[in-house]
Every structure is written in structure tokens, then in C-alpha cells.
Amino acid sequence: MLSVKKYTKEQKEKAHNTNIIKLLFSQGENVKKSGTEYEWFDNGMKITIRDNLWYHQYDHVGGDAILFVMRFYNKSFPQAVQFLLDKDIGEVVPSISKEITKKEFVLPERDWNKRIVFDYLDSVRGINRDVITDFVNARLIYSATNKGYHNIVFVGTDSSGLPKHAHLRGIVGSFKGNVSGGKDEYAFHWNGTSSEIYLFEAPIDLLSHISLNNKDWKQHTYAAACGVSDKVLLQCLKDNPKLDTVCLCLDNDSAGVKATKRIQEKLKELNIETKILVPINKDWNEDLIMLKKGDNAKWKQEMSLE
């Protein structure tokens, strides 16, 4: 009978506190810095990392360094602990009991410069100006400036109209992220009057789809998960009993396809009708930009094949 090596509390604490970034560098992995965190991709799926903690953006699970090695290096708990101890890049942190309080959600301060919003969403992203105006007037989109960086803020509200979530998109570079303390179930959305709701990964894709199909668009409900979660969708269905048809409009990539299948199966269990809409390119904004650039013939031909 094989004996399992037992580790001391100190050894497990050291393995637990291994800096995952240093671990990945030691393994020759590619890691990208994003704000105060790092990003690492596993089979095209983004893992967010900070010190000894990680979070899988598509499966919505996370943990410490030990769980990281168990999941991504296919090791048992004892094997993961030994692996991390052998790397010797962990540290023992005194155990201090402290109460963890969630950061209060606060919207970024508005800079009231609507020109920034229109210059980016219209000129760069190709969004219909009338659509932008409607969202700006509803106080769901505005611009904010922090330390010289300009961000577009996409506000999510609860059923009473109070802001509960905010997604930021930098107008320069690839920065995007959610404001701390927000509730994902109230992410960026628009409430319509029909029985249909359209779910997207990103606010810009939501706006792009409306720009491509802007006839009577206000009658429908739209939601952006700001990722691939189904939280905002389920909340909208809860808040709006009239909604009985869900149009899944996630990205045309492996992560989007996987999420679409997962959400579709959940909705089937809830006896909710589902339609799947797939962009021609990776996402709806790429489709919109392709049309704006004048490739109308190709876009219309591709659409006719759907």
C-alpha cells in the first residue's frame, strides 16, 4: 500500500503563498500585465492572476497556487504541494485573523465631455450616433478621466434604476475591466418592451449589433455580460417576466461557443426558448467595422448565408 506524504502546516502555507506569476515565468509561460493584475491564457481562455491567487474568466472558478497547479498541471494535492515546494518561491505568512470587507461600489467621476464618448464609439468603433445618444441620455454611458487616462463607462442599474455595476473601456490600448464592488447581475443592459432579450459578451458588441439592426431596436431588451457569465441574463429574466425568448449573441471563438452551449443548456432546463446568433467575424464590432469600411457586398452575402 502506497503511503501519502504528509506536509506540515508551514509547508502547506508556503506552497499556498507561491507567487503564480513567478511560477509561470519559471515554466517559460507567456504572461501579460493588465493594470494591477496579470493575464495568462490556457487554451485561449483567460486566467486573471494576482500574487498567489487566480481566477478563470470563462469557467468562473479560482483559488490559490496549490489549486492552480492541481488544475493546470494535472496534479493531486500532495503532488501540487511538493511541486511548489521544489520551486521554492513561496513564503510563510503569519496567520492573522482579519475581517474581509467588500469594497463599496462607486461610479467613476464623470468628466462631462461627451465628445470623448462620440469620438471613440462613433469614429473608432463605428457605432450609430443616434444609438449612442439614446444610451448617453439614459445616463448609461459617459466618459471618465483618471490620472490622464480616458475611459468610457458603461453603467448597469438595478430594477429601480440605481447604478450597481460599471464596465470600463479605455479609449487607448486594450484596457477593460469592471469597477470594484459592482454586482455582475446588473451589468450594462437596456430594458425593452418585447419578449426578446439579446445577450452579448461586451457592451461595444451590444451597441454594434443594434447599429447593424437598428429598426425598432428599442422594443427589445439587451444585456452585456462583460464576460461570458449568465448572471445579468438571469437577473433580467427575473426582473422582466414577459421575456420568454433569449438570443445568445456571444463571440465567434472557442470561449464564446463554449459559453453559448453552457447557457443554452441551462435555459433549456428552465424551458426558455433560445436562438443563437453568430457574428461573421470574431465579434459584432468587427462585423460593423467591416460594413463601415465599405465591404457591404461581402457582409450582405455572408448574412444571406445565415
Protein backbone atom coordinates (compact mmCIF):
# COMPACT_ATOMS: atom_id res chain seq x y z
CA MET A 1 0.00 0.00 0.00
CA LEU A 2 1.42 3.36 -1.06
CA SER A 3 1.92 5.90 1.72
CA VAL A 4 0.98 9.53 1.14
CA LYS A 5 3.49 12.06 2.36
CA LYS A 6 2.09 14.42 4.97
CA TYR A 7 3.07 18.06 4.94
CA THR A 8 3.35 20.39 7.88
CA LYS A 9 1.10 23.40 8.24
CA GLU A 10 4.11 25.60 7.49
CA GLN A 11 4.92 23.71 4.28
CA LYS A 12 1.33 23.93 3.03
CA GLU A 13 1.25 27.63 3.89
CA LYS A 14 4.43 28.19 1.89
CA ALA A 15 3.04 26.34 -1.13
CA HIS A 16 -0.26 28.22 -0.83
CA ASN A 17 1.55 31.58 -0.92
CA THR A 18 3.61 30.84 -4.03
CA ASN A 19 3.60 33.76 -6.45
CA ILE A 20 1.90 32.28 -9.52
CA ILE A 21 3.48 34.83 -11.86
CA LYS A 22 6.98 33.77 -10.79
CA LEU A 23 5.90 30.15 -11.15
CA LEU A 24 4.71 30.70 -14.73
CA PHE A 25 7.89 32.60 -15.63
CA SER A 26 9.95 29.70 -14.28
CA GLN A 27 7.99 27.38 -16.57
CA GLY A 28 8.65 29.56 -19.62
CA GLU A 29 5.00 30.64 -19.93
CA ASN A 30 3.85 33.88 -21.55
CA VAL A 31 2.22 36.24 -19.05
CA LYS A 32 0.81 39.69 -19.82
CA LYS A 33 0.42 42.53 -17.32
CA SER A 34 -3.01 44.16 -17.25
CA GLY A 35 -3.39 47.01 -14.76
CA THR A 36 -2.67 45.70 -11.26
CA GLU A 37 -3.12 42.08 -12.39
CA TYR A 38 -1.67 39.66 -14.91
CA GLU A 39 -3.27 37.59 -17.65
CA TRP A 40 -2.34 34.07 -18.70
CA PHE A 41 -4.15 32.09 -21.38
CA ASP A 42 -4.92 28.39 -21.14
CA ASN A 43 -6.13 27.03 -24.48
CA GLY A 44 -7.33 30.50 -25.45
CA MET A 45 -9.17 31.09 -22.17
CA LYS A 46 -8.10 34.00 -19.96
CA ILE A 47 -6.90 33.44 -16.42
CA THR A 48 -6.51 36.55 -14.26
CA ILE A 49 -3.71 36.35 -11.69
CA ARG A 50 -2.66 38.47 -8.71
CA ASP A 51 0.17 37.23 -6.46
CA ASN A 52 -0.86 33.73 -5.29
CA LEU A 53 -4.48 33.95 -6.46
CA TRP A 54 -6.07 33.21 -9.85
CA TYR A 55 -9.49 33.40 -11.47
CA HIS A 56 -10.76 31.68 -14.62
CA GLN A 57 -12.75 34.33 -16.51
CA TYR A 58 -14.82 31.80 -18.50
CA ASP A 59 -15.45 28.98 -16.03
CA HIS A 60 -15.81 31.47 -13.13
CA VAL A 61 -13.67 29.49 -10.70
CA GLY A 62 -10.44 30.37 -8.95
CA GLY A 63 -8.21 29.70 -6.00
CA ASP A 64 -4.68 29.72 -4.67
CA ALA A 65 -1.34 28.47 -6.04
CA ILE A 66 -1.99 24.88 -4.94
CA LEU A 67 -5.33 24.72 -6.77
CA PHE A 68 -3.67 26.37 -9.78
CA VAL A 69 -1.11 23.56 -10.07
CA MET A 70 -3.76 20.91 -9.45
CA ARG A 71 -5.97 22.24 -12.25
CA PHE A 72 -3.49 23.35 -14.90
CA TYR A 73 -0.65 20.90 -14.24
CA ASN A 74 -2.95 17.95 -13.55
CA LYS A 75 -1.50 17.07 -10.14
CA SER A 76 -3.01 15.74 -6.92
CA PHE A 77 -2.93 17.84 -3.76
CA PRO A 78 0.28 16.22 -2.37
CA GLN A 79 1.94 16.41 -5.80
CA ALA A 80 0.99 20.08 -6.15
CA VAL A 81 2.37 20.96 -2.72
CA GLN A 82 5.65 19.12 -3.43
CA PHE A 83 5.90 20.74 -6.87
CA LEU A 84 5.59 24.22 -5.35
CA LEU A 85 7.98 23.46 -2.51
CA ASP A 86 10.55 22.26 -5.01
CA LYS A 87 10.25 25.57 -6.84
CA ASP A 88 11.00 27.32 -3.51
CA ILE A 89 9.31 30.61 -4.49
CA GLY A 90 6.64 30.61 -1.80
CA GLU A 91 6.74 32.27 1.58
CA VAL A 92 5.31 31.66 5.00
CA VAL A 93 2.88 34.40 6.01
CA PRO A 94 1.86 34.69 9.67
CA SER A 95 -1.74 33.67 10.12
CA ILE A 96 -3.66 36.79 11.08
CA SER A 97 -7.39 36.70 11.59
CA LYS A 98 -8.98 39.63 9.85
CA GLU A 99 -12.46 40.50 8.70
CA ILE A 100 -12.72 40.82 4.95
CA THR A 101 -14.98 43.63 3.83
CA LYS A 102 -16.14 44.04 0.27
CA LYS A 103 -15.16 47.31 -1.36
CA GLU A 104 -18.06 49.71 -1.75
CA PHE A 105 -19.19 50.25 -5.32
CA VAL A 106 -18.73 53.83 -6.51
CA LEU A 107 -19.19 55.07 -10.07
CA PRO A 108 -16.11 56.80 -11.57
CA GLU A 109 -16.46 60.57 -11.57
CA ARG A 110 -17.90 61.95 -14.80
CA ASP A 111 -15.78 64.36 -16.81
CA TRP A 112 -18.91 65.52 -18.73
CA ASN A 113 -17.00 65.51 -22.02
CA LYS A 114 -19.49 63.90 -24.40
CA ARG A 115 -17.15 64.49 -27.32
CA ILE A 116 -14.81 61.77 -25.99
CA VAL A 117 -17.71 59.30 -25.96
CA PHE A 118 -18.77 60.08 -29.53
CA ASP A 119 -15.23 60.31 -30.90
CA TYR A 120 -14.43 56.84 -29.62
CA LEU A 121 -17.71 54.95 -30.09
CA ASP A 122 -18.62 56.56 -33.42
CA SER A 123 -15.31 57.38 -35.10
CA VAL A 124 -13.29 54.42 -33.80
CA ARG A 125 -15.90 51.74 -33.21
CA GLY A 126 -18.44 52.70 -35.84
CA ILE A 127 -21.45 52.81 -33.50
CA ASN A 128 -24.53 54.62 -34.80
CA ARG A 129 -24.58 58.16 -33.35
CA ASP A 130 -28.32 58.06 -32.62
CA VAL A 131 -27.84 54.82 -30.66
CA ILE A 132 -25.00 56.42 -28.67
CA THR A 133 -27.20 59.45 -27.96
CA ASP A 134 -30.00 57.27 -26.59
CA PHE A 135 -27.68 55.50 -24.16
CA VAL A 136 -25.95 58.72 -23.13
CA ASN A 137 -29.30 60.41 -22.50
CA ALA A 138 -30.33 57.41 -20.39
CA ARG A 139 -27.15 58.03 -18.33
CA LEU A 140 -25.90 54.54 -19.15
CA ILE A 141 -22.77 55.71 -20.98
CA TYR A 142 -20.36 58.52 -20.13
CA SER A 143 -16.63 59.28 -20.07
CA ALA A 144 -14.33 59.42 -17.05
CA THR A 145 -10.74 60.56 -16.73
CA ASN A 146 -8.36 59.15 -14.13
CA LYS A 147 -4.65 60.03 -13.95
CA GLY A 148 -4.74 61.23 -17.53
CA TYR A 149 -6.37 58.07 -18.89
CA HIS A 150 -9.74 58.38 -20.62
CA ASN A 151 -12.28 55.57 -20.15
CA ILE A 152 -15.77 55.02 -21.47
CA VAL A 153 -18.03 53.93 -18.61
CA PHE A 154 -20.91 51.53 -19.29
CA VAL A 155 -23.34 51.66 -16.36
CA GLY A 156 -25.53 48.80 -15.18
CA THR A 157 -28.57 49.52 -13.00
CA ASP A 158 -30.99 47.53 -10.87
CA SER A 159 -34.76 47.37 -11.45
CA SER A 160 -35.24 50.72 -9.71
CA GLY A 161 -32.63 52.46 -11.89
CA LEU A 162 -29.88 52.69 -9.28
CA PRO A 163 -26.31 52.10 -10.60
CA LYS A 164 -24.97 48.75 -9.38
CA HIS A 165 -22.28 47.94 -11.94
CA ALA A 166 -19.84 49.72 -14.24
CA HIS A 167 -17.60 48.42 -17.01
CA LEU A 168 -14.64 50.50 -18.17
CA ARG A 169 -13.14 50.55 -21.67
CA GLY A 170 -10.01 52.57 -22.31
CA ILE A 171 -10.07 54.66 -25.48
CA VAL A 172 -6.35 53.97 -25.99
CA GLY A 173 -4.89 50.47 -25.85
CA SER A 174 -6.77 47.37 -24.79
CA PHE A 175 -7.67 48.21 -21.18
CA LYS A 176 -11.05 46.99 -19.99
CA GLY A 177 -12.40 45.92 -16.63
CA ASN A 178 -15.20 46.23 -14.12
CA VAL A 179 -15.30 48.73 -11.26
CA SER A 180 -14.70 47.03 -7.90
CA GLY A 181 -17.70 46.28 -5.71
CA GLY A 182 -20.21 46.07 -8.56
CA LYS A 183 -22.83 43.35 -8.93
CA ASP A 184 -22.42 41.33 -12.14
CA GLU A 185 -26.12 40.54 -12.28
CA TYR A 186 -26.79 44.21 -13.01
CA ALA A 187 -24.20 44.66 -15.75
CA PHE A 188 -24.83 47.00 -18.71
CA HIS A 189 -28.29 46.45 -20.23
CA TRP A 190 -31.28 48.11 -21.91
CA ASN A 191 -34.87 47.24 -20.99
CA GLY A 192 -37.33 46.96 -23.86
CA THR A 193 -41.00 46.05 -24.13
CA SER A 194 -40.95 42.92 -26.32
CA SER A 195 -40.50 39.31 -25.17
CA GLU A 196 -36.96 39.03 -26.59
CA ILE A 197 -33.62 39.61 -24.87
CA TYR A 198 -30.23 39.65 -26.62
CA LEU A 199 -27.12 38.66 -24.65
CA PHE A 200 -23.60 39.80 -25.61
CA GLU A 201 -20.14 39.49 -24.10
CA ALA A 202 -19.19 43.19 -24.27
CA PRO A 203 -21.11 46.49 -24.25
CA ILE A 204 -19.48 47.53 -27.54
CA ASP A 205 -20.74 44.34 -29.20
CA LEU A 206 -24.22 45.10 -27.89
CA LEU A 207 -24.10 48.59 -29.39
CA SER A 208 -22.63 47.24 -32.63
CA HIS A 209 -25.44 44.71 -33.07
CA ILE A 210 -28.04 47.44 -32.53
CA SER A 211 -26.24 49.62 -35.10
CA LEU A 212 -26.44 46.75 -37.59
CA ASN A 213 -30.11 46.12 -36.79
CA ASN A 214 -31.43 49.48 -35.64
CA LYS A 215 -35.02 49.34 -36.87
CA ASP A 216 -37.31 49.48 -33.84
CA TRP A 217 -34.42 48.31 -31.67
CA LYS A 218 -35.73 49.96 -28.50
CA GLN A 219 -38.57 47.47 -28.20
CA HIS A 220 -36.15 44.68 -27.31
CA THR A 221 -34.04 44.05 -24.19
CA TYR A 222 -30.24 43.85 -24.49
CA ALA A 223 -27.61 42.83 -21.95
CA ALA A 224 -23.81 42.66 -21.90
CA ALA A 225 -22.30 40.15 -19.51
CA CYS A 226 -18.91 41.93 -19.54
CA GLY A 227 -17.53 38.43 -19.91
CA VAL A 228 -19.32 35.13 -20.51
CA SER A 229 -21.34 34.84 -17.31
CA ASP A 230 -25.12 34.36 -17.41
CA LYS A 231 -25.76 36.41 -14.25
CA VAL A 232 -27.10 39.54 -15.96
CA LEU A 233 -29.26 37.43 -18.27
CA LEU A 234 -30.87 35.52 -15.39
CA GLN A 235 -31.44 38.77 -13.48
CA CYS A 236 -33.13 40.37 -16.49
CA LEU A 237 -35.36 37.31 -16.87
CA LYS A 238 -36.23 37.57 -13.19
CA ASP A 239 -36.98 41.30 -13.35
CA ASN A 240 -38.94 41.07 -16.62
CA PRO A 241 -41.40 38.12 -16.57
CA LYS A 242 -42.54 38.99 -20.10
CA LEU A 243 -39.18 37.86 -21.51
CA ASP A 244 -39.54 34.35 -22.92
CA THR A 245 -37.02 34.24 -25.78
CA VAL A 246 -33.25 34.57 -25.39
CA CYS A 247 -30.99 35.37 -28.34
CA LEU A 248 -27.42 34.35 -27.49
CA CYS A 249 -25.04 36.62 -29.39
CA LEU A 250 -21.64 35.72 -27.92
CA ASP A 251 -18.31 35.89 -29.74
CA ASN A 252 -17.45 33.59 -32.62
CA ASP A 253 -14.46 31.97 -30.88
CA SER A 254 -13.83 28.92 -28.71
CA ALA A 255 -14.70 30.70 -25.46
CA GLY A 256 -17.88 32.19 -26.91
CA VAL A 257 -19.01 28.88 -28.40
CA LYS A 258 -18.37 27.07 -25.11
CA ALA A 259 -20.29 29.67 -23.13
CA THR A 260 -23.18 29.66 -25.61
CA LYS A 261 -23.55 25.90 -25.23
CA ARG A 262 -23.41 26.12 -21.44
CA ILE A 263 -26.03 28.89 -21.23
CA GLN A 264 -28.26 27.23 -23.83
CA GLU A 265 -28.34 24.03 -21.79
CA LYS A 266 -29.26 25.95 -18.63
CA LEU A 267 -32.07 27.82 -20.43
CA LYS A 268 -33.39 24.53 -21.82
CA GLU A 269 -33.78 23.27 -18.25
CA LEU A 270 -35.75 26.45 -17.50
CA ASN A 271 -37.97 25.86 -20.56
CA ILE A 272 -36.91 29.16 -22.14
CA GLU A 273 -36.73 29.38 -25.92
CA THR A 274 -33.23 30.07 -27.24
CA LYS A 275 -31.91 31.44 -30.50
CA ILE A 276 -28.23 31.58 -31.40
CA LEU A 277 -26.89 34.49 -33.44
CA VAL A 278 -23.25 34.25 -34.55
CA PRO A 279 -21.19 37.16 -35.93
CA ILE A 280 -19.38 36.61 -39.22
CA ASN A 281 -16.08 37.68 -37.73
CA LYS A 282 -14.93 37.22 -34.12
CA ASP A 283 -17.48 39.66 -32.72
CA TRP A 284 -20.23 42.09 -33.72
CA ASN A 285 -17.99 45.14 -33.68
CA GLU A 286 -15.69 43.54 -36.26
CA ASP A 287 -18.78 42.90 -38.41
CA LEU A 288 -19.85 46.53 -38.04
CA ILE A 289 -16.40 47.88 -38.88
CA MET A 290 -16.21 45.61 -41.94
CA LEU A 291 -19.50 47.11 -43.15
CA LYS A 292 -18.37 50.65 -42.37
CA LYS A 293 -15.19 50.16 -44.37
CA GLY A 294 -17.30 49.58 -47.43
CA ASP A 295 -17.22 45.81 -47.68
CA ASN A 296 -21.00 45.85 -47.96
CA ALA A 297 -21.20 43.18 -50.64
CA LYS A 298 -19.25 40.63 -48.61
CA TRP A 299 -21.17 41.43 -45.44
CA LYS A 300 -24.59 41.12 -47.13
CA GLN A 301 -23.54 37.91 -48.86
CA GLU A 302 -22.37 36.38 -45.60
CA MET A 303 -25.55 37.47 -43.83
CA SER A 304 -27.68 35.82 -46.52
CA LEU A 305 -25.97 32.51 -45.73
CA GLU A 306 -27.04 32.55 -42.08
